[in-house]
């Protein structure tokens, strides 16, 4: 557990039972997170996502929400992307997140998952039952020659809810079997009900089209059946309706004997097996001829000068802003500092190395998984910044207990006891004696001290990269957090804390190292406040003194 139950009660004003329940939930979450982190060491991203969907119930929750079908389909798209990521020979959650980020930076928009609706511009295949109530511009009704299923009426024993059981009469002496009258009646009722339902289904199929209706089906001995349908006439009797075996048996007699009105509305076309084979053969011969024509094409001859020039233009086209494709949309001040330190060079026009790739930090472990003995200098610096963020300037005096204040922060859950133990409270006492601290205390009294101020400003790409043409005019968003600043005599004093190890007498090196970073901070403050930044001050915990950056 990261915090005790008492800590949760203190932080959130809970009673003991509520604090206990909250502690259990957080413990369960931490255990689940640790499980997935361990799983990530040997499982693919696809397997991890599937596990998260199933074990957390997230997929089911999304499906149960409004527009749940689309939400679930979007989660399926994420799974599909994880499969493609693995197929490209890549692994790991960290790599997958940056894979998705690179797709986004490349403006590859996968869009939301499409869930077909009634007005979707697509071909939809569905049963006649499912099409009920829908309308479409063009409708194909297939399988018109399929025989009706009348097997229930042909069983040796028929069971009906209204009439009971119908069976065959068997004479053992004469060794004959024949259906009794009740069975014939029941079979006729089943057939009548089945055909009545088929008529209703056919009605639904024939009334779905708004503009065009196409009926298709197959039939054996088509010429004989066409003659039989013509002989039936255009009007159905009960006998002809009950004698039908397919939808065609109902439709074709009407179409073939309906007169001029039917001929005007319907076009009847029959195609035999030989016609299909002949048509396929002709298509195959056409494809072969086209293939041979292209294979033996004389490429030395220009058949159309204008078309030739247009094709050459498109083949030789080079995207004029190729250099900007790898430019980051947003960058942190820390990343700018890293680029400067590494002296990254941008080779204009080289498609293999237009912009130096960024080196991303390894994802830090959660606090409850850290080993206090292995806390890095960067993490230690974060702890010092955390204390400075919450330092009560209004209460500072010669007898202020800095060590006790750090212990209180640990008890309140801002840091662990192990993390608090590595913070040297004496360094804050030294800071209290500095002139910059006195100035910050005075600013705090009048409400002019601001701490941990986030900002985002736009800078020109040419400030970071050497780019060809007008690509340097592209705007990159730069984000960062200013440790502290205050207004003094109508101007701004910028303060930045540093925990870097610095040798005595090397303050100029520290100032030079962070000159560019504080310059961006000053520019941001000028944009935010509209006031001039008169001083840029680094307070070095290693030196125990302030360093002025010119």
Protein backbone atom coordinates (compact mmCIF):
# COMPACT_ATOMS: atom_id res chain seq x y z
CA UNK A 1 0.00 0.00 0.00
CA UNK A 2 1.21 3.49 -0.85
CA UNK A 3 -0.75 5.34 1.88
CA UNK A 4 -2.23 4.20 5.17
CA UNK A 5 -5.96 4.21 5.87
CA UNK A 6 -5.36 7.14 8.22
CA UNK A 7 -3.87 9.11 5.35
CA UNK A 8 -6.95 8.63 3.16
CA UNK A 9 -9.19 9.68 6.05
CA UNK A 10 -7.09 12.82 6.54
CA UNK A 11 -6.84 13.67 2.83
CA UNK A 12 -10.47 13.19 1.86
CA UNK A 13 -12.35 13.76 5.12
CA UNK A 14 -13.66 10.17 5.25
CA UNK A 15 -14.75 8.08 8.20
CA UNK A 16 -12.81 4.92 9.03
CA UNK A 17 -15.01 2.52 7.03
CA UNK A 18 -14.97 4.75 3.94
CA UNK A 19 -11.19 5.09 4.21
CA UNK A 20 -10.88 1.32 4.55
CA UNK A 21 -12.98 0.75 1.42
CA UNK A 22 -10.98 3.31 -0.56
CA UNK A 23 -7.72 1.70 0.56
CA UNK A 24 -8.95 -1.71 -0.62
CA UNK A 25 -9.93 -0.33 -4.02
CA UNK A 26 -6.56 1.34 -4.51
CA UNK A 27 -4.74 -1.79 -3.37
CA UNK A 28 -6.74 -3.83 -5.89
CA UNK A 29 -5.88 -1.32 -8.62
CA UNK A 30 -2.17 -1.39 -7.75
CA UNK A 31 -2.14 -5.19 -7.83
CA UNK A 32 -3.91 -5.19 -11.20
CA UNK A 33 -1.44 -2.64 -12.59
CA UNK A 34 1.51 -4.73 -11.36
CA UNK A 35 -0.05 -7.82 -13.00
CA UNK A 36 -0.27 -6.06 -16.37
CA UNK A 37 3.29 -4.72 -16.04
CA UNK A 38 4.56 -8.23 -15.42
CA UNK A 39 2.43 -9.56 -18.27
CA UNK A 40 3.94 -6.96 -20.62
CA UNK A 41 7.35 -8.63 -20.23
CA UNK A 42 6.30 -11.75 -22.14
CA UNK A 43 2.94 -11.03 -23.83
CA UNK A 44 2.07 -9.19 -27.03
CA UNK A 45 0.15 -5.90 -26.97
CA UNK A 46 -2.84 -7.69 -28.49
CA UNK A 47 -2.91 -10.23 -25.64
CA UNK A 48 -2.57 -7.49 -23.02
CA UNK A 49 -5.42 -5.45 -24.52
CA UNK A 50 -7.65 -8.52 -24.70
CA UNK A 51 -6.86 -9.26 -21.05
CA UNK A 52 -7.64 -5.68 -20.00
CA UNK A 53 -10.93 -5.71 -21.94
CA UNK A 54 -12.00 -8.98 -20.30
CA UNK A 55 -10.75 -8.59 -16.74
CA UNK A 56 -11.79 -4.96 -16.22
CA UNK A 57 -15.10 -5.33 -18.03
CA UNK A 58 -14.24 -2.18 -20.01
CA UNK A 59 -15.45 -3.63 -23.32
CA UNK A 60 -18.81 -4.59 -21.82
CA UNK A 61 -19.16 -1.18 -20.12
CA UNK A 62 -18.54 0.64 -23.40
CA UNK A 63 -20.99 -1.64 -25.20
CA UNK A 64 -23.71 -0.85 -22.64
CA UNK A 65 -23.30 2.93 -22.98
CA UNK A 66 -25.14 5.11 -25.54
CA UNK A 67 -23.86 4.32 -29.07
CA UNK A 68 -22.33 1.22 -27.52
CA UNK A 69 -22.07 -0.63 -30.82
CA UNK A 70 -19.81 2.08 -32.24
CA UNK A 71 -17.76 2.30 -29.02
CA UNK A 72 -17.14 -1.44 -29.09
CA UNK A 73 -16.22 -1.29 -32.78
CA UNK A 74 -13.64 1.43 -32.01
CA UNK A 75 -12.10 -0.81 -29.34
CA UNK A 76 -11.92 -3.55 -31.97
CA UNK A 77 -10.01 -1.14 -34.24
CA UNK A 78 -7.47 -0.62 -31.46
CA UNK A 79 -7.04 -4.40 -31.24
CA UNK A 80 -6.52 -4.56 -35.00
CA UNK A 81 -3.84 -1.86 -34.79
CA UNK A 82 -2.03 -3.89 -32.11
CA UNK A 83 -2.01 -6.90 -34.46
CA UNK A 84 -0.48 -4.82 -37.27
CA UNK A 85 2.08 -3.45 -34.81
CA UNK A 86 3.14 -6.98 -33.87
CA UNK A 87 3.23 -8.12 -37.50
CA UNK A 88 5.74 -5.36 -38.20
CA UNK A 89 8.15 -7.08 -35.80
CA UNK A 90 7.68 -4.64 -32.93
CA UNK A 91 6.83 -5.33 -29.30
CA UNK A 92 6.06 -3.59 -26.04
CA UNK A 93 3.43 -1.20 -24.69
CA UNK A 94 5.89 1.72 -24.83
CA UNK A 95 6.64 1.06 -28.48
CA UNK A 96 2.93 0.65 -29.28
CA UNK A 97 1.99 4.03 -27.77
CA UNK A 98 4.66 5.74 -29.85
CA UNK A 99 3.54 3.73 -32.90
CA UNK A 100 0.05 5.21 -32.49
CA UNK A 101 1.55 8.68 -31.90
CA UNK A 102 3.58 8.42 -35.10
CA UNK A 103 0.44 7.43 -37.03
CA UNK A 104 -1.34 10.49 -35.63
CA UNK A 105 1.59 12.79 -36.46
CA UNK A 106 1.52 11.43 -40.01
CA UNK A 107 -2.14 12.51 -40.22
CA UNK A 108 -3.27 8.92 -40.75
CA UNK A 109 -6.90 9.13 -39.70
CA UNK A 110 -8.51 5.77 -39.16
CA UNK A 111 -11.76 7.47 -38.25
CA UNK A 112 -14.40 5.97 -36.08
CA UNK A 113 -15.66 2.48 -36.67
CA UNK A 114 -18.51 2.40 -39.15
CA UNK A 115 -21.71 0.77 -37.96
CA UNK A 116 -24.02 0.24 -40.92
CA UNK A 117 -27.34 2.03 -40.75
CA UNK A 118 -30.36 2.20 -42.99
CA UNK A 119 -28.93 5.02 -45.11
CA UNK A 120 -25.37 3.70 -45.35
CA UNK A 121 -23.94 4.05 -48.86
CA UNK A 122 -22.99 0.39 -49.21
CA UNK A 123 -24.21 -2.98 -50.42
CA UNK A 124 -26.01 -4.75 -47.60
CA UNK A 125 -26.74 -8.47 -47.53
CA UNK A 126 -29.53 -9.52 -45.19
CA UNK A 127 -32.43 -11.90 -44.81
CA UNK A 128 -35.91 -10.83 -45.91
CA UNK A 129 -37.02 -10.92 -42.26
CA UNK A 130 -34.31 -8.44 -41.26
CA UNK A 131 -35.18 -6.06 -44.13
CA UNK A 132 -38.69 -5.54 -42.81
CA UNK A 133 -39.44 -1.83 -42.43
CA UNK A 134 -36.39 -0.72 -44.44
CA UNK A 135 -36.22 0.87 -47.87
CA UNK A 136 -33.37 0.79 -50.40
CA UNK A 137 -32.91 2.37 -53.86
CA UNK A 138 -32.09 -0.97 -55.52
CA UNK A 139 -33.06 -4.38 -54.16
CA UNK A 140 -31.95 -7.84 -55.32
CA UNK A 141 -34.21 -10.68 -54.17
CA UNK A 142 -32.18 -13.85 -54.65
CA UNK A 143 -33.20 -17.51 -54.42
CA UNK A 144 -36.62 -17.13 -56.05
CA UNK A 145 -36.31 -20.70 -57.37
CA UNK A 146 -35.60 -22.27 -53.99
CA UNK A 147 -38.20 -24.86 -52.92
CA UNK A 148 -40.34 -24.19 -49.86
CA UNK A 149 -39.62 -26.23 -46.76
CA UNK A 150 -42.69 -28.48 -46.36
CA UNK A 151 -40.98 -31.30 -44.49
CA UNK A 152 -43.20 -30.90 -41.42
CA UNK A 153 -46.23 -31.81 -43.52
CA UNK A 154 -44.53 -34.98 -44.81
CA UNK A 155 -43.50 -36.57 -41.53
CA UNK A 156 -44.79 -40.02 -40.62
CA UNK A 157 -46.23 -38.57 -37.42
CA UNK A 158 -47.59 -35.04 -37.29
CA UNK A 159 -48.05 -33.20 -34.00
CA UNK A 160 -50.23 -30.11 -33.85
CA UNK A 161 -51.08 -27.97 -30.85
CA UNK A 162 -54.71 -27.60 -31.92
CA UNK A 163 -55.53 -30.97 -33.49
CA UNK A 164 -53.29 -33.36 -31.60
CA UNK A 165 -51.42 -36.22 -33.28
CA UNK A 166 -51.82 -37.47 -36.84
CA UNK A 167 -50.34 -40.85 -37.76
CA UNK A 168 -50.44 -43.40 -40.55
CA UNK A 169 -52.73 -46.44 -40.41
CA UNK A 170 -50.73 -49.66 -40.66
CA UNK A 171 -52.39 -52.99 -41.59
CA UNK A 172 -50.00 -55.71 -40.49
CA UNK A 173 -51.94 -58.46 -42.22
CA UNK A 174 -52.07 -56.75 -45.60
CA UNK A 175 -48.69 -55.11 -44.93
CA UNK A 176 -49.85 -51.69 -46.09
CA UNK A 177 -49.55 -48.17 -44.67
CA UNK A 178 -51.67 -45.15 -45.50
CA UNK A 179 -52.36 -41.77 -43.81
CA UNK A 180 -55.63 -41.41 -41.99
CA UNK A 181 -58.03 -38.58 -42.78
CA UNK A 182 -56.99 -36.55 -39.70
CA UNK A 183 -53.33 -36.68 -40.70
CA UNK A 184 -54.15 -35.52 -44.23
CA UNK A 185 -56.15 -32.64 -42.77
CA UNK A 186 -53.33 -31.69 -40.40
CA UNK A 187 -50.73 -31.92 -43.19
CA UNK A 188 -52.88 -29.68 -45.36
CA UNK A 189 -53.18 -27.14 -42.51
CA UNK A 190 -49.40 -27.12 -42.01
CA UNK A 191 -48.85 -26.63 -45.73
CA UNK A 192 -51.47 -23.87 -45.83
CA UNK A 193 -49.88 -22.05 -42.85
CA UNK A 194 -46.38 -22.43 -44.29
CA UNK A 195 -47.37 -21.07 -47.69
CA UNK A 196 -49.31 -18.23 -46.05
CA UNK A 197 -46.14 -17.23 -44.20
CA UNK A 198 -44.11 -17.50 -47.43
CA UNK A 199 -46.58 -15.15 -49.16
CA UNK A 200 -46.14 -12.61 -46.36
CA UNK A 201 -42.35 -12.92 -46.67
CA UNK A 202 -42.54 -12.46 -50.44
CA UNK A 203 -44.66 -9.34 -49.95
CA UNK A 204 -41.97 -7.88 -47.69
CA UNK A 205 -39.25 -8.67 -50.27
CA UNK A 206 -41.20 -7.09 -53.17
CA UNK A 207 -41.93 -3.85 -51.30
CA UNK A 208 -38.39 -2.92 -50.15
CA UNK A 209 -37.22 -1.25 -53.38
CA UNK A 210 -37.60 2.49 -54.00
CA UNK A 211 -36.35 2.62 -57.61
CA UNK A 212 -35.47 -0.80 -58.98
CA UNK A 213 -36.34 -4.40 -58.06
CA UNK A 214 -34.34 -7.33 -59.42
CA UNK A 215 -35.60 -10.90 -58.86
CA UNK A 216 -33.12 -13.72 -59.45
CA UNK A 217 -33.24 -17.47 -59.11
CA UNK A 218 -32.45 -20.79 -60.77
CA UNK A 219 -34.75 -23.45 -62.16
CA UNK A 220 -34.21 -26.82 -63.85
CA UNK A 221 -35.75 -27.39 -67.30
CA UNK A 222 -36.45 -23.69 -67.67
CA UNK A 223 -38.15 -23.99 -71.09
CA UNK A 224 -40.71 -26.50 -69.78
CA UNK A 225 -41.38 -24.40 -66.70
CA UNK A 226 -41.83 -21.27 -68.80
CA UNK A 227 -44.49 -23.09 -70.84
CA UNK A 228 -46.24 -24.30 -67.70
CA UNK A 229 -46.24 -20.79 -66.16
CA UNK A 230 -47.71 -19.34 -69.38
CA UNK A 231 -50.45 -21.96 -69.37
CA UNK A 232 -51.51 -21.11 -65.81
CA UNK A 233 -52.71 -17.67 -66.78
CA UNK A 234 -52.33 -14.37 -64.98
CA UNK A 235 -54.85 -14.99 -62.15
CA UNK A 236 -54.12 -17.32 -59.25
CA UNK A 237 -56.73 -19.61 -57.79
CA UNK A 238 -56.46 -21.19 -54.35
CA UNK A 239 -55.37 -24.43 -56.05
CA UNK A 240 -52.51 -22.73 -57.93
CA UNK A 241 -51.45 -20.87 -54.81
CA UNK A 242 -51.40 -24.07 -52.74
CA UNK A 243 -49.62 -25.96 -55.52
CA UNK A 244 -46.65 -23.60 -55.64
CA UNK A 245 -43.24 -24.95 -54.74
CA UNK A 246 -41.16 -21.79 -55.23
CA UNK A 247 -41.62 -18.02 -55.33
CA UNK A 248 -41.29 -18.21 -59.12
CA UNK A 249 -44.45 -20.37 -59.21
CA UNK A 250 -46.36 -17.34 -57.86
CA UNK A 251 -44.53 -14.55 -59.70
CA UNK A 252 -43.86 -15.90 -63.20
CA UNK A 253 -47.47 -16.74 -64.27
CA UNK A 254 -48.47 -13.14 -63.52
CA UNK A 255 -45.43 -11.63 -65.30
CA UNK A 256 -45.80 -13.83 -68.39
CA UNK A 257 -49.55 -13.24 -68.76
CA UNK A 258 -49.93 -9.73 -67.39
CA UNK A 259 -50.21 -7.87 -70.68
CA UNK A 260 -48.66 -4.57 -71.78
CA UNK A 261 -48.48 -3.02 -68.29
CA UNK A 262 -46.32 -5.85 -67.00
CA UNK A 263 -44.12 -5.80 -70.10
CA UNK A 264 -43.57 -2.07 -69.62
CA UNK A 265 -42.56 -2.44 -65.97
CA UNK A 266 -40.66 -5.72 -66.06
CA UNK A 267 -37.88 -7.11 -68.25
CA UNK A 268 -37.65 -10.91 -68.10
CA UNK A 269 -34.32 -12.46 -69.00
CA UNK A 270 -33.41 -16.14 -68.93
CA UNK A 271 -29.86 -17.38 -69.07
CA UNK A 272 -28.86 -20.99 -69.60
CA UNK A 273 -25.72 -22.79 -68.51
CA UNK A 274 -24.29 -22.58 -72.04
CA UNK A 275 -24.81 -18.81 -72.11
CA UNK A 276 -22.90 -18.40 -68.86
CA UNK A 277 -20.00 -20.52 -70.12
CA UNK A 278 -19.90 -18.60 -73.41
CA UNK A 279 -19.92 -15.26 -71.59
CA UNK A 280 -17.11 -16.34 -69.26
CA UNK A 281 -15.11 -17.60 -72.22
CA UNK A 282 -15.49 -14.28 -74.00
CA UNK A 283 -14.35 -12.38 -70.90
CA UNK A 284 -11.33 -14.66 -70.54
CA UNK A 285 -10.38 -14.18 -74.20
CA UNK A 286 -10.72 -10.42 -73.79
CA UNK A 287 -8.44 -10.46 -70.74
CA UNK A 288 -5.84 -12.55 -72.58
CA UNK A 289 -5.90 -10.20 -75.56
CA UNK A 290 -5.46 -7.16 -73.32
CA UNK A 291 -2.60 -8.87 -71.48
CA UNK A 292 -0.80 -9.69 -74.74
CA UNK A 293 -1.39 -6.17 -76.00
CA UNK A 294 0.18 -4.63 -72.93
CA UNK A 295 3.00 -7.15 -72.83
CA UNK A 296 4.02 -6.34 -76.40
CA UNK A 297 3.43 -2.62 -76.05
CA UNK A 298 6.10 -0.49 -77.73
CA UNK A 299 7.20 1.82 -74.92
CA UNK A 300 9.45 3.84 -77.22
CA UNK A 301 6.51 5.42 -79.00
CA UNK A 302 4.72 8.41 -77.47
CA UNK A 303 1.08 7.95 -78.46
CA UNK A 304 -0.24 11.04 -76.68
CA UNK A 305 2.19 13.87 -75.99
CA UNK A 306 0.02 15.69 -73.45
CA UNK A 307 -0.75 12.52 -71.51
CA UNK A 308 2.94 11.54 -71.63
CA UNK A 309 3.97 14.85 -70.07
CA UNK A 310 1.31 14.60 -67.39
CA UNK A 311 2.42 11.07 -66.40
CA UNK A 312 6.07 12.21 -66.28
CA UNK A 313 5.11 15.16 -64.13
CA UNK A 314 3.29 12.96 -61.63
CA UNK A 315 6.01 10.31 -61.52
CA UNK A 316 8.75 12.90 -60.94
CA UNK A 317 6.75 14.95 -58.46
CA UNK A 318 8.40 15.62 -55.11
CA UNK A 319 6.43 16.90 -52.18
CA UNK A 320 7.80 20.43 -51.52
CA UNK A 321 7.21 20.20 -47.77
CA UNK A 322 8.74 16.76 -47.24
CA UNK A 323 11.19 18.20 -44.72
CA UNK A 324 8.34 19.20 -42.43
CA UNK A 325 6.74 15.77 -42.21
CA UNK A 326 8.89 14.76 -39.26
CA UNK A 327 8.65 18.07 -37.47
CA UNK A 328 7.01 17.58 -34.06
CA UNK A 329 3.71 19.34 -33.51
CA UNK A 330 4.56 19.98 -29.88
CA UNK A 331 7.83 19.88 -27.98
CA UNK A 332 8.86 20.44 -24.36
CA UNK A 333 11.54 22.83 -23.13
CA UNK A 334 13.42 19.80 -21.78
CA UNK A 335 13.45 18.27 -25.25
CA UNK A 336 14.81 21.52 -26.73
CA UNK A 337 17.60 21.43 -24.18
CA UNK A 338 18.39 17.81 -25.12
CA UNK A 339 18.53 18.71 -28.82
CA UNK A 340 20.97 21.52 -28.07
CA UNK A 341 23.15 19.29 -25.90
CA UNK A 342 23.31 16.56 -28.53
CA UNK A 343 23.95 19.16 -31.27
CA UNK A 344 21.43 17.44 -33.53
CA UNK A 345 22.10 18.24 -37.17
CA UNK A 346 19.36 18.43 -39.77
CA UNK A 347 20.43 17.54 -43.32
CA UNK A 348 18.23 19.49 -45.72
CA UNK A 349 17.07 17.45 -48.70
CA UNK A 350 18.25 14.07 -47.38
CA UNK A 351 15.13 11.91 -47.31
CA UNK A 352 16.74 9.42 -44.93
CA UNK A 353 17.59 12.00 -42.25
CA UNK A 354 15.50 15.12 -42.60
CA UNK A 355 14.97 15.72 -38.89
CA UNK A 356 16.85 13.92 -36.14
CA UNK A 357 14.50 11.61 -34.27
CA UNK A 358 13.78 12.45 -30.63
CA UNK A 359 15.12 10.26 -27.87
CA UNK A 360 12.23 9.53 -25.56
CA UNK A 361 12.73 8.86 -21.88
CA UNK A 362 11.94 5.48 -20.43
CA UNK A 363 8.52 5.46 -18.75
CA UNK A 364 9.12 5.92 -15.00
CA UNK A 365 7.86 3.32 -12.61
CA UNK A 366 5.03 4.09 -10.23
CA UNK A 367 6.09 5.15 -6.75
CA UNK A 368 4.98 1.95 -5.06
CA UNK A 369 7.32 -0.04 -7.37
CA UNK A 370 10.42 2.10 -6.89
CA UNK A 371 13.47 1.15 -4.91
CA UNK A 372 14.38 4.20 -2.79
CA UNK A 373 18.06 3.27 -2.95
CA UNK A 374 17.95 3.58 -6.75
CA UNK A 375 16.28 6.99 -7.10
CA UNK A 376 17.92 8.88 -9.95
CA UNK A 377 19.21 12.44 -9.80
CA UNK A 378 16.32 13.55 -12.03
CA UNK A 379 13.78 11.98 -9.65
CA UNK A 380 15.57 13.56 -6.69
CA UNK A 381 15.29 16.91 -8.44
CA UNK A 382 11.56 16.35 -8.85
CA UNK A 383 11.24 15.84 -5.08
CA UNK A 384 13.06 19.11 -4.37
CA UNK A 385 10.75 20.90 -6.81
CA UNK A 386 7.75 19.31 -5.06
CA UNK A 387 8.83 20.75 -1.73
CA UNK A 388 9.42 24.19 -3.26
CA UNK A 389 5.97 24.06 -4.85
CA UNK A 390 4.30 23.68 -1.44
CA UNK A 391 6.73 25.69 0.71
CA UNK A 392 4.69 28.03 2.96
CA UNK A 393 6.50 31.34 2.39
CA UNK A 394 4.11 33.17 4.68
CA UNK A 395 5.20 30.95 7.62
CA UNK A 396 8.94 30.94 7.02
CA UNK A 397 11.08 32.28 9.84
CA UNK A 398 14.45 31.59 11.50
CA UNK A 399 12.98 28.76 13.55
CA UNK A 400 10.93 27.08 10.80
CA UNK A 401 11.22 23.27 10.94
CA UNK A 402 11.97 22.28 7.32
CA UNK A 403 12.53 18.64 8.22
CA UNK A 404 9.18 18.47 9.99
CA UNK A 405 7.49 20.09 6.97
CA UNK A 406 8.95 17.41 4.67
CA UNK A 407 7.70 14.70 7.06
CA UNK A 408 4.21 16.27 6.98
CA UNK A 409 4.26 16.11 3.17
CA UNK A 410 5.09 12.41 3.35
CA UNK A 411 2.27 11.82 5.86
CA UNK A 412 -0.14 13.65 3.55
CA UNK A 413 0.75 11.37 0.65
CA UNK A 414 2.81 13.77 -1.47
CA UNK A 415 5.77 11.40 -1.26
CA UNK A 416 6.80 8.18 0.44
CA UNK A 417 8.76 8.06 3.67
CA UNK A 418 11.71 6.57 1.73
CA UNK A 419 11.63 9.50 -0.69
CA UNK A 420 11.41 12.00 2.15
CA UNK A 421 14.47 10.42 3.79
CA UNK A 422 16.75 11.33 0.86
CA UNK A 423 15.82 15.05 0.94
CA UNK A 424 18.37 17.20 2.77
CA UNK A 425 16.34 19.69 4.82
CA UNK A 426 19.48 21.79 5.41
CA UNK A 427 19.48 22.85 1.76
CA UNK A 428 16.09 24.49 2.24
CA UNK A 429 17.34 26.30 5.33
CA UNK A 430 20.19 27.63 3.19
CA UNK A 431 17.65 28.72 0.59
CA UNK A 432 15.68 30.57 3.28
CA UNK A 433 18.77 32.69 4.06
CA UNK A 434 19.22 33.70 0.38
CA UNK A 435 18.21 37.11 -0.92
CA UNK A 436 15.94 35.61 -3.57
CA UNK A 437 13.92 33.82 -0.88
CA UNK A 438 13.46 37.13 1.00
CA UNK A 439 12.19 38.74 -2.20
CA UNK A 440 9.84 35.82 -2.84
CA UNK A 441 8.47 36.06 0.71
CA UNK A 442 7.68 39.76 0.19
CA UNK A 443 6.01 38.95 -3.12
CA UNK A 444 3.94 36.24 -1.41
CA UNK A 445 2.69 38.72 1.18
CA UNK A 446 1.25 40.95 -1.56
CA UNK A 447 -0.05 38.04 -3.67
CA UNK A 448 2.46 38.60 -6.48
CA UNK A 449 4.26 35.23 -6.26
CA UNK A 450 3.26 32.55 -8.78
CA UNK A 451 4.53 28.96 -8.70
CA UNK A 452 4.43 26.03 -11.16
CA UNK A 453 3.04 28.11 -14.01
CA UNK A 454 2.34 25.95 -17.11
CA UNK A 455 2.58 27.57 -20.54
CA UNK A 456 2.39 26.83 -24.26
CA UNK A 457 3.84 29.19 -26.87
CA UNK A 458 4.46 28.92 -30.60
CA UNK A 459 8.01 29.14 -31.96
CA UNK A 460 9.33 29.04 -35.50
CA UNK A 461 10.86 25.75 -36.62
CA UNK A 462 13.97 27.60 -37.82
CA UNK A 463 14.89 28.27 -34.19
CA UNK A 464 15.47 24.52 -33.72
CA UNK A 465 16.15 23.06 -37.14
CA UNK A 466 17.97 24.08 -40.29
CA UNK A 467 15.24 23.59 -42.91
CA UNK A 468 15.12 24.41 -46.61
CA UNK A 469 12.90 27.01 -48.25
CA UNK A 470 10.15 28.45 -46.12
CA UNK A 471 9.83 25.38 -43.90
CA UNK A 472 11.48 27.32 -41.09
CA UNK A 473 8.31 29.42 -40.86
CA UNK A 474 6.33 26.41 -39.62
CA UNK A 475 5.11 26.87 -36.05
CA UNK A 476 5.93 24.34 -33.34
CA UNK A 477 4.16 24.43 -29.99
CA UNK A 478 6.52 24.52 -27.04
CA UNK A 479 5.26 23.63 -23.58
CA UNK A 480 6.84 23.81 -20.17
CA UNK A 481 6.34 24.70 -16.51
CA UNK A 482 7.95 27.75 -14.87
CA UNK A 483 9.06 26.99 -11.31
CA UNK A 484 8.29 30.46 -9.94
CA UNK A 485 8.07 34.15 -10.87
CA UNK A 486 6.96 37.34 -9.16
CA UNK A 487 6.35 40.96 -10.01
CA UNK A 488 8.72 43.56 -8.63
CA UNK A 489 8.69 47.27 -9.52
CA UNK A 490 6.32 46.59 -12.40
CA UNK A 491 8.62 44.00 -13.97
CA UNK A 492 8.95 40.23 -13.74
CA UNK A 493 11.60 38.23 -11.88
CA UNK A 494 11.92 34.64 -13.15
CA UNK A 495 13.14 31.95 -10.74
CA UNK A 496 14.23 28.42 -11.68
CA UNK A 497 15.44 25.72 -9.23
CA UNK A 498 18.31 23.42 -10.17
CA UNK A 499 19.71 20.41 -8.30
CA UNK A 500 22.55 19.66 -10.75
CA UNK A 501 25.92 18.89 -9.20
CA UNK A 502 28.10 21.97 -9.74
CA UNK A 503 31.64 22.56 -8.60
CA UNK A 504 32.34 25.60 -6.49
CA UNK A 505 33.14 28.58 -8.66
CA UNK A 506 31.37 27.09 -11.73
CA UNK A 507 28.21 29.15 -11.55
CA UNK A 508 28.93 30.65 -14.98
CA UNK A 509 28.82 27.17 -16.51
CA UNK A 510 25.42 26.58 -14.90
CA UNK A 511 24.12 29.88 -16.25
CA UNK A 512 25.40 29.10 -19.74
CA UNK A 513 23.92 25.60 -19.65
CA UNK A 514 20.39 26.88 -18.97
CA UNK A 515 20.56 30.23 -20.77
CA UNK A 516 18.43 29.07 -23.71
CA UNK A 517 15.85 27.36 -21.49
CA UNK A 518 15.33 30.43 -19.31
CA UNK A 519 15.20 32.55 -22.46
CA UNK A 520 12.13 30.58 -23.59
CA UNK A 521 10.62 30.92 -20.09
CA UNK A 522 11.15 34.69 -20.25
CA UNK A 523 9.51 34.86 -23.67
CA UNK A 524 6.51 32.92 -22.37
CA UNK A 525 6.16 35.19 -19.33
CA UNK A 526 6.35 38.26 -21.52
CA UNK A 527 3.51 36.87 -23.67
CA UNK A 528 1.44 35.87 -20.62
CA UNK A 529 1.85 39.01 -18.49
CA UNK A 530 2.74 41.61 -21.12
CA UNK A 531 5.55 42.77 -18.83
CA UNK A 532 9.31 42.80 -19.19
CA UNK A 533 11.36 40.10 -17.49
CA UNK A 534 14.10 42.08 -15.75
CA UNK A 535 15.88 39.17 -14.06
CA UNK A 536 16.38 35.47 -14.75
CA UNK A 537 17.56 33.75 -11.58
CA UNK A 538 18.68 30.16 -11.05
CA UNK A 539 18.75 28.97 -7.47
CA UNK A 540 21.29 26.13 -7.25
CA UNK A 541 20.74 23.74 -4.34
CA UNK A 542 24.19 22.29 -4.97
CA UNK A 543 25.90 25.68 -4.62
CA UNK A 544 23.42 27.05 -2.09
CA UNK A 545 23.23 30.37 -3.93
CA UNK A 546 21.42 32.20 -6.72
CA UNK A 547 22.94 32.48 -10.19
CA UNK A 548 21.91 35.33 -12.46
CA UNK A 549 21.48 34.55 -16.15
CA UNK A 550 22.19 37.46 -18.49
